[in-house]
Amino acid sequence: MRFHFDARKSERLRRNPKRGIGFEEAQEIFSRPYYQDRRSDMPEQYRAIGWVRGKLFALIFEIREDDSGEFYHLVTLWRATREEQHLYEENS
C-alpha cells in the first residue's frame, strides 16, 4: 500500500490533543483488522476504523491513482466515537 498526505496537516493533527497522532502513525490502521465503509460519494471517500498505539481511531481517505498505480490519500482522522467503537466491535 502506498500513502499520500499533507505533511503540514499531519503535524497539526499530531499537535491537537483530541487527535494526538499524525498520518504517519495512522497508517498502522491498515496493518491490523479494521472496519471500512464509504463516507461520501462526491468526492468518493472512505472511513477506516482501527487501532493505533492502543487507541481506536477513525481515518478518512480517498483511493487515487497516478502513473505508479493506486494509492491512499489520507484526508483526516480522529479518535473513534462511541458509535464508531460499536461499528468496529460488531464488524471486525
C-alpha atoms as a PDB file:
ATOM      1  CA  MET A   1       0.000   0.000   0.000  1.00  0.00           C
ATOM      2  CA  ARG A   2       1.154   3.472  -0.834  1.00  0.00           C
ATOM      3  CA  PHE A   3       0.030   6.532   1.112  1.00  0.00           C
ATOM      4  CA  HIS A   4      -0.037  10.260   0.392  1.00  0.00           C
ATOM      5  CA  PHE A   5      -0.941  13.098   2.750  1.00  0.00           C
ATOM      6  CA  ASP A   6      -0.268  16.736   3.524  1.00  0.00           C
ATOM      7  CA  ALA A   7       2.710  16.769   5.915  1.00  0.00           C
ATOM      8  CA  ARG A   8       1.697  20.122   7.444  1.00  0.00           C
ATOM      9  CA  LYS A   9      -1.802  18.845   8.180  1.00  0.00           C
ATOM     10  CA  SER A  10      -0.308  15.694   9.695  1.00  0.00           C
ATOM     11  CA  GLU A  11       1.756  17.812  12.067  1.00  0.00           C
ATOM     12  CA  ARG A  12      -1.309  19.890  13.051  1.00  0.00           C
ATOM     13  CA  LEU A  13      -3.239  16.689  13.807  1.00  0.00           C
ATOM     14  CA  ARG A  14      -0.349  15.378  15.900  1.00  0.00           C
ATOM     15  CA  ARG A  15      -0.256  18.582  17.993  1.00  0.00           C
ATOM     16  CA  ASN A  16      -4.046  18.550  18.516  1.00  0.00           C
ATOM     17  CA  PRO A  17      -4.706  16.966  21.941  1.00  0.00           C
ATOM     18  CA  LYS A  18      -8.012  15.496  20.710  1.00  0.00           C
ATOM     19  CA  ARG A  19      -6.162  13.581  17.994  1.00  0.00           C
ATOM     20  CA  GLY A  20      -2.582  13.144  19.163  1.00  0.00           C
ATOM     21  CA  ILE A  21      -1.232  11.313  16.103  1.00  0.00           C
ATOM     22  CA  GLY A  22      -0.349  12.231  12.537  1.00  0.00           C
ATOM     23  CA  PHE A  23      -0.920  10.450   9.264  1.00  0.00           C
ATOM     24  CA  GLU A  24       2.406   8.649   9.572  1.00  0.00           C
ATOM     25  CA  GLU A  25       1.170   6.794  12.667  1.00  0.00           C
ATOM     26  CA  ALA A  26      -2.390   6.403  11.321  1.00  0.00           C
ATOM     27  CA  GLN A  27      -1.127   4.124   8.544  1.00  0.00           C
ATOM     28  CA  GLU A  28      -0.901   1.463  11.279  1.00  0.00           C
ATOM     29  CA  ILE A  29      -4.702   1.055  10.976  1.00  0.00           C
ATOM     30  CA  PHE A  30      -4.193  -0.887   7.748  1.00  0.00           C
ATOM     31  CA  SER A  31      -1.737  -3.369   9.309  1.00  0.00           C
ATOM     32  CA  ARG A  32      -4.401  -4.957  11.558  1.00  0.00           C
ATOM     33  CA  PRO A  33      -8.073  -5.872  11.180  1.00  0.00           C
ATOM     34  CA  TYR A  34     -10.114  -2.733  10.600  1.00  0.00           C
ATOM     35  CA  TYR A  35     -13.658  -1.737   9.711  1.00  0.00           C
ATOM     36  CA  GLN A  36     -14.202   0.175   6.457  1.00  0.00           C
ATOM     37  CA  ASP A  37     -17.227   1.885   4.953  1.00  0.00           C
ATOM     38  CA  ARG A  38     -17.959   4.603   2.432  1.00  0.00           C
ATOM     39  CA  ARG A  39     -18.233   8.081   3.900  1.00  0.00           C
ATOM     40  CA  SER A  40     -19.274  10.078   0.834  1.00  0.00           C
ATOM     41  CA  ASP A  41     -19.681   9.842  -2.923  1.00  0.00           C
ATOM     42  CA  MET A  42     -18.518  13.303  -4.006  1.00  0.00           C
ATOM     43  CA  PRO A  43     -15.625  13.087  -3.577  1.00  0.00           C
ATOM     44  CA  GLU A  44     -15.551   9.354  -3.053  1.00  0.00           C
ATOM     45  CA  GLN A  45     -14.185   8.938   0.465  1.00  0.00           C
ATOM     46  CA  TYR A  46     -13.909   6.017   2.834  1.00  0.00           C
ATOM     47  CA  ARG A  47     -13.651   5.685   6.595  1.00  0.00           C
ATOM     48  CA  ALA A  48     -11.389   3.108   8.221  1.00  0.00           C
ATOM     49  CA  ILE A  49     -11.751   2.427  11.943  1.00  0.00           C
ATOM     50  CA  GLY A  50      -8.855   0.665  13.615  1.00  0.00           C
ATOM     51  CA  TRP A  51      -6.172   0.609  16.270  1.00  0.00           C
ATOM     52  CA  VAL A  52      -3.152   2.901  16.503  1.00  0.00           C
ATOM     53  CA  ARG A  53      -0.903   2.793  19.566  1.00  0.00           C
ATOM     54  CA  GLY A  54      -3.577   1.121  21.675  1.00  0.00           C
ATOM     55  CA  LYS A  55      -6.362   3.585  20.818  1.00  0.00           C
ATOM     56  CA  LEU A  56      -9.202   3.269  18.312  1.00  0.00           C
ATOM     57  CA  PHE A  57      -9.182   5.902  15.533  1.00  0.00           C
ATOM     58  CA  ALA A  58     -11.297   6.773  12.517  1.00  0.00           C
ATOM     59  CA  LEU A  59      -9.394   7.748   9.368  1.00  0.00           C
ATOM     60  CA  ILE A  60     -10.914   9.325   6.253  1.00  0.00           C
ATOM     61  CA  PHE A  61      -9.160   8.531   2.977  1.00  0.00           C
ATOM     62  CA  GLU A  62      -9.605   8.565  -0.786  1.00  0.00           C
ATOM     63  CA  ILE A  63      -8.354   5.951  -3.225  1.00  0.00           C
ATOM     64  CA  ARG A  64      -6.475   7.704  -6.011  1.00  0.00           C
ATOM     65  CA  GLU A  65      -4.295   6.660  -8.897  1.00  0.00           C
ATOM     66  CA  ASP A  66      -1.152   8.003 -10.543  1.00  0.00           C
ATOM     67  CA  ASP A  67       1.415   6.665 -13.027  1.00  0.00           C
ATOM     68  CA  SER A  68       2.704   4.201 -10.410  1.00  0.00           C
ATOM     69  CA  GLY A  69      -0.762   2.839  -9.619  1.00  0.00           C
ATOM     70  CA  GLU A  70      -3.227   3.098  -6.768  1.00  0.00           C
ATOM     71  CA  PHE A  71      -2.519   4.928  -3.511  1.00  0.00           C
ATOM     72  CA  TYR A  72      -4.439   6.049  -0.421  1.00  0.00           C
ATOM     73  CA  HIS A  73      -4.713   9.799   0.074  1.00  0.00           C
ATOM     74  CA  LEU A  74      -5.242  10.401   3.807  1.00  0.00           C
ATOM     75  CA  VAL A  75      -7.662  13.265   4.483  1.00  0.00           C
ATOM     76  CA  THR A  76      -8.279  13.495   8.238  1.00  0.00           C
ATOM     77  CA  LEU A  77      -8.539  11.434  11.412  1.00  0.00           C
ATOM     78  CA  TRP A  78      -9.932  11.496  14.949  1.00  0.00           C
ATOM     79  CA  ARG A  79     -10.369   9.241  17.952  1.00  0.00           C
ATOM     80  CA  ALA A  80     -13.277   6.903  17.316  1.00  0.00           C
ATOM     81  CA  THR A  81     -16.643   7.936  18.713  1.00  0.00           C
ATOM     82  CA  ARG A  82     -18.788   5.505  20.734  1.00  0.00           C
ATOM     83  CA  GLU A  83     -20.801   4.754  17.590  1.00  0.00           C
ATOM     84  CA  GLU A  84     -17.602   4.030  15.656  1.00  0.00           C
ATOM     85  CA  GLN A  85     -16.365   1.811  18.500  1.00  0.00           C
ATOM     86  CA  HIS A  86     -19.582  -0.236  18.222  1.00  0.00           C
ATOM     87  CA  LEU A  87     -19.216  -0.474  14.422  1.00  0.00           C
ATOM     88  CA  TYR A  88     -15.676  -1.769  14.863  1.00  0.00           C
ATOM     89  CA  GLU A  89     -16.647  -4.285  17.557  1.00  0.00           C
ATOM     90  CA  GLU A  90     -19.606  -5.621  15.570  1.00  0.00           C
ATOM     91  CA  ASN A  91     -17.798  -5.899  12.212  1.00  0.00           C
ATOM     92  CA  SER A  92     -14.115  -6.608  12.784  1.00  0.00           C
END
